[in-house]
Amino acid sequence: MRNNLVACLTAWVVFSVLPGAAFAHHGGAAYDTSKMTTVTGTVTEFEFTNPHVIIGMDVKDPATGKIEKWQGELTSPNHLSRVDWTKDTIKVGDGLTMSGAALKSGAAAMAIRKIMKNGEEISTSGGDN
């Protein structure tokens, strides 16, 4: 009887804590959601893999002319495939404009909310990040 009580109590504690840990992965505290940041550049990397699609871009700073390496994060490939994304939707060498919430740290990375390719928006409404 005592063993069953201990096992049930242990299981309750574990299953109570796990959902919080899983939800923490999706926190947005690192991003400045109070303003949108927009960058335009050339794709250097496109990872259509779980858990999040990643786009790497070379972005030329208009003031200095220096190239900055930016990285954008989208939702999962599963969500994006619902709006017809594939591993070929974006290719290395494509020119893109991406807008989203940049990291508060000032690092060149963002949670992407909008992508423009060839002057047209590519839908990202397949799900949440």
C-alpha atoms as a PDB file:
ATOM      1  CA  MET A   1       0.000   0.000   0.000  1.00  0.00           C
ATOM      2  CA  ARG A   2       2.771   2.423   0.971  1.00  0.00           C
ATOM      3  CA  ASN A   3       4.665   1.625  -2.266  1.00  0.00           C
ATOM      4  CA  ASN A   4       1.563   2.421  -4.329  1.00  0.00           C
ATOM      5  CA  LEU A   5       1.136   5.743  -2.528  1.00  0.00           C
ATOM      6  CA  VAL A   6       4.779   6.698  -3.117  1.00  0.00           C
ATOM      7  CA  ALA A   7       4.545   5.670  -6.798  1.00  0.00           C
ATOM      8  CA  CYS A   8       1.350   7.685  -7.316  1.00  0.00           C
ATOM      9  CA  LEU A   9       2.792  10.731  -5.556  1.00  0.00           C
ATOM     10  CA  THR A  10       5.997  10.520  -7.622  1.00  0.00           C
ATOM     11  CA  ALA A  11       4.029  10.186 -10.866  1.00  0.00           C
ATOM     12  CA  TRP A  12       1.853  13.168  -9.917  1.00  0.00           C
ATOM     13  CA  VAL A  13       4.913  15.355  -9.236  1.00  0.00           C
ATOM     14  CA  VAL A  14       6.624  14.340 -12.496  1.00  0.00           C
ATOM     15  CA  PHE A  15       3.541  14.885 -14.653  1.00  0.00           C
ATOM     16  CA  SER A  16       2.799  18.202 -12.948  1.00  0.00           C
ATOM     17  CA  VAL A  17       6.272  19.573 -13.673  1.00  0.00           C
ATOM     18  CA  LEU A  18       6.765  18.311 -17.263  1.00  0.00           C
ATOM     19  CA  PRO A  19       4.096  20.469 -18.973  1.00  0.00           C
ATOM     20  CA  GLY A  20       5.675  23.603 -17.488  1.00  0.00           C
ATOM     21  CA  ALA A  21       9.090  22.609 -18.798  1.00  0.00           C
ATOM     22  CA  ALA A  22       7.689  21.971 -22.265  1.00  0.00           C
ATOM     23  CA  PHE A  23       5.872  25.315 -22.295  1.00  0.00           C
ATOM     24  CA  ALA A  24       9.055  27.140 -21.234  1.00  0.00           C
ATOM     25  CA  HIS A  25      10.636  26.170 -24.572  1.00  0.00           C
ATOM     26  CA  HIS A  26       8.152  28.449 -26.317  1.00  0.00           C
ATOM     27  CA  GLY A  27       8.777  31.507 -24.191  1.00  0.00           C
ATOM     28  CA  GLY A  28       9.344  34.765 -26.019  1.00  0.00           C
ATOM     29  CA  ALA A  29      11.031  36.743 -23.248  1.00  0.00           C
ATOM     30  CA  ALA A  30      14.277  37.010 -25.209  1.00  0.00           C
ATOM     31  CA  TYR A  31      12.562  38.892 -28.065  1.00  0.00           C
ATOM     32  CA  ASP A  32      11.598  42.576 -28.150  1.00  0.00           C
ATOM     33  CA  THR A  33       7.970  42.225 -29.202  1.00  0.00           C
ATOM     34  CA  SER A  34       7.280  45.952 -28.760  1.00  0.00           C
ATOM     35  CA  LYS A  35       8.675  46.732 -32.216  1.00  0.00           C
ATOM     36  CA  MET A  36       9.183  45.066 -35.574  1.00  0.00           C
ATOM     37  CA  THR A  37      12.663  44.811 -37.056  1.00  0.00           C
ATOM     38  CA  THR A  38      12.997  44.407 -40.819  1.00  0.00           C
ATOM     39  CA  VAL A  39      16.099  43.288 -42.704  1.00  0.00           C
ATOM     40  CA  THR A  40      16.704  42.572 -46.383  1.00  0.00           C
ATOM     41  CA  GLY A  41      19.458  40.321 -47.641  1.00  0.00           C
ATOM     42  CA  THR A  42      20.573  37.142 -49.351  1.00  0.00           C
ATOM     43  CA  VAL A  43      19.793  33.685 -47.964  1.00  0.00           C
ATOM     44  CA  THR A  44      22.907  31.793 -46.853  1.00  0.00           C
ATOM     45  CA  GLU A  45      21.169  28.980 -44.984  1.00  0.00           C
ATOM     46  CA  PHE A  46      17.721  27.359 -44.974  1.00  0.00           C
ATOM     47  CA  GLU A  47      17.044  24.557 -42.508  1.00  0.00           C
ATOM     48  CA  PHE A  48      13.587  23.048 -43.007  1.00  0.00           C
ATOM     49  CA  THR A  49      13.937  20.819 -39.945  1.00  0.00           C
ATOM     50  CA  ASN A  50      12.393  20.383 -36.504  1.00  0.00           C
ATOM     51  CA  PRO A  51      11.850  21.903 -34.076  1.00  0.00           C
ATOM     52  CA  HIS A  52      11.917  25.269 -35.922  1.00  0.00           C
ATOM     53  CA  VAL A  53      12.701  26.335 -39.479  1.00  0.00           C
ATOM     54  CA  ILE A  54      15.820  28.529 -39.562  1.00  0.00           C
ATOM     55  CA  ILE A  55      16.782  31.090 -42.207  1.00  0.00           C
ATOM     56  CA  GLY A  56      20.290  32.561 -42.281  1.00  0.00           C
ATOM     57  CA  MET A  57      20.915  35.730 -44.301  1.00  0.00           C
ATOM     58  CA  ASP A  58      23.718  38.111 -45.198  1.00  0.00           C
ATOM     59  CA  VAL A  59      22.404  41.638 -44.655  1.00  0.00           C
ATOM     60  CA  LYS A  60      24.343  44.698 -45.823  1.00  0.00           C
ATOM     61  CA  ASP A  61      24.335  47.541 -43.279  1.00  0.00           C
ATOM     62  CA  PRO A  62      23.292  50.646 -45.258  1.00  0.00           C
ATOM     63  CA  ALA A  63      25.395  52.975 -43.081  1.00  0.00           C
ATOM     64  CA  THR A  64      28.685  51.071 -43.048  1.00  0.00           C
ATOM     65  CA  GLY A  65      28.374  48.697 -46.000  1.00  0.00           C
ATOM     66  CA  LYS A  66      29.450  45.811 -43.764  1.00  0.00           C
ATOM     67  CA  ILE A  67      27.743  42.444 -44.070  1.00  0.00           C
ATOM     68  CA  GLU A  68      25.906  41.219 -40.973  1.00  0.00           C
ATOM     69  CA  LYS A  69      24.904  37.590 -40.536  1.00  0.00           C
ATOM     70  CA  TRP A  70      21.223  37.472 -39.482  1.00  0.00           C
ATOM     71  CA  GLN A  71      19.247  34.438 -38.398  1.00  0.00           C
ATOM     72  CA  GLY A  72      15.476  34.117 -38.358  1.00  0.00           C
ATOM     73  CA  GLU A  73      13.377  31.458 -36.659  1.00  0.00           C
ATOM     74  CA  LEU A  74       9.967  30.282 -37.817  1.00  0.00           C
ATOM     75  CA  THR A  75       7.533  27.669 -36.580  1.00  0.00           C
ATOM     76  CA  SER A  76       7.967  23.947 -37.323  1.00  0.00           C
ATOM     77  CA  PRO A  77       8.082  22.435 -40.823  1.00  0.00           C
ATOM     78  CA  ASN A  78       4.836  20.611 -39.989  1.00  0.00           C
ATOM     79  CA  HIS A  79       2.977  23.884 -39.444  1.00  0.00           C
ATOM     80  CA  LEU A  80       4.505  25.548 -42.502  1.00  0.00           C
ATOM     81  CA  SER A  81       3.702  22.566 -44.735  1.00  0.00           C
ATOM     82  CA  ARG A  82       0.020  23.340 -44.052  1.00  0.00           C
ATOM     83  CA  VAL A  83       0.498  26.539 -46.080  1.00  0.00           C
ATOM     84  CA  ASP A  84       2.437  24.717 -48.825  1.00  0.00           C
ATOM     85  CA  TRP A  85       6.014  25.244 -47.638  1.00  0.00           C
ATOM     86  CA  THR A  86       8.580  22.615 -48.651  1.00  0.00           C
ATOM     87  CA  LYS A  87      12.336  22.298 -48.329  1.00  0.00           C
ATOM     88  CA  ASP A  88      12.482  24.165 -51.663  1.00  0.00           C
ATOM     89  CA  THR A  89      10.317  27.176 -50.737  1.00  0.00           C
ATOM     90  CA  ILE A  90      13.450  29.172 -49.975  1.00  0.00           C
ATOM     91  CA  LYS A  91      16.858  28.516 -51.495  1.00  0.00           C
ATOM     92  CA  VAL A  92      20.369  29.681 -50.709  1.00  0.00           C
ATOM     93  CA  GLY A  93      20.962  32.762 -52.863  1.00  0.00           C
ATOM     94  CA  ASP A  94      17.352  33.991 -52.746  1.00  0.00           C
ATOM     95  CA  GLY A  95      16.797  37.631 -51.886  1.00  0.00           C
ATOM     96  CA  LEU A  96      14.438  38.007 -48.908  1.00  0.00           C
ATOM     97  CA  THR A  97      13.034  40.578 -46.552  1.00  0.00           C
ATOM     98  CA  MET A  98      12.120  39.264 -43.119  1.00  0.00           C
ATOM     99  CA  SER A  99      10.379  41.140 -40.329  1.00  0.00           C
ATOM    100  CA  GLY A 100       9.858  40.129 -36.760  1.00  0.00           C
ATOM    101  CA  ALA A 101      10.839  40.556 -33.145  1.00  0.00           C
ATOM    102  CA  ALA A 102      14.614  40.874 -32.765  1.00  0.00           C
ATOM    103  CA  LEU A 103      16.508  39.595 -29.756  1.00  0.00           C
ATOM    104  CA  LYS A 104      16.667  42.043 -26.843  1.00  0.00           C
ATOM    105  CA  SER A 105      20.388  41.307 -26.527  1.00  0.00           C
ATOM    106  CA  GLY A 106      21.056  43.086 -29.816  1.00  0.00           C
ATOM    107  CA  ALA A 107      22.276  39.905 -31.519  1.00  0.00           C
ATOM    108  CA  ALA A 108      21.327  39.658 -35.193  1.00  0.00           C
ATOM    109  CA  ALA A 109      18.459  37.180 -34.797  1.00  0.00           C
ATOM    110  CA  MET A 110      14.679  37.346 -34.790  1.00  0.00           C
ATOM    111  CA  ALA A 111      11.436  35.461 -34.435  1.00  0.00           C
ATOM    112  CA  ILE A 112      10.068  35.935 -37.962  1.00  0.00           C
ATOM    113  CA  ARG A 113       6.522  37.209 -38.393  1.00  0.00           C
ATOM    114  CA  LYS A 114       6.579  38.167 -42.096  1.00  0.00           C
ATOM    115  CA  ILE A 115       8.675  37.159 -45.118  1.00  0.00           C
ATOM    116  CA  MET A 116       8.771  38.811 -48.530  1.00  0.00           C
ATOM    117  CA  LYS A 117      10.304  37.090 -51.552  1.00  0.00           C
ATOM    118  CA  ASN A 118      10.353  38.794 -54.967  1.00  0.00           C
ATOM    119  CA  GLY A 119       8.074  41.510 -53.575  1.00  0.00           C
ATOM    120  CA  GLU A 120       5.383  39.060 -52.462  1.00  0.00           C
ATOM    121  CA  GLU A 121       4.590  37.885 -48.955  1.00  0.00           C
ATOM    122  CA  ILE A 122       5.078  34.187 -48.259  1.00  0.00           C
ATOM    123  CA  SER A 123       2.424  32.930 -45.838  1.00  0.00           C
ATOM    124  CA  THR A 124       3.719  31.772 -42.452  1.00  0.00           C
ATOM    125  CA  SER A 125       0.275  31.323 -40.890  1.00  0.00           C
ATOM    126  CA  GLY A 126       0.645  27.574 -40.524  1.00  0.00           C
ATOM    127  CA  GLY A 127       0.917  27.824 -36.740  1.00  0.00           C
ATOM    128  CA  ASP A 128       2.597  29.479 -33.809  1.00  0.00           C
ATOM    129  CA  ASN A 129       6.332  29.546 -33.131  1.00  0.00           C
END
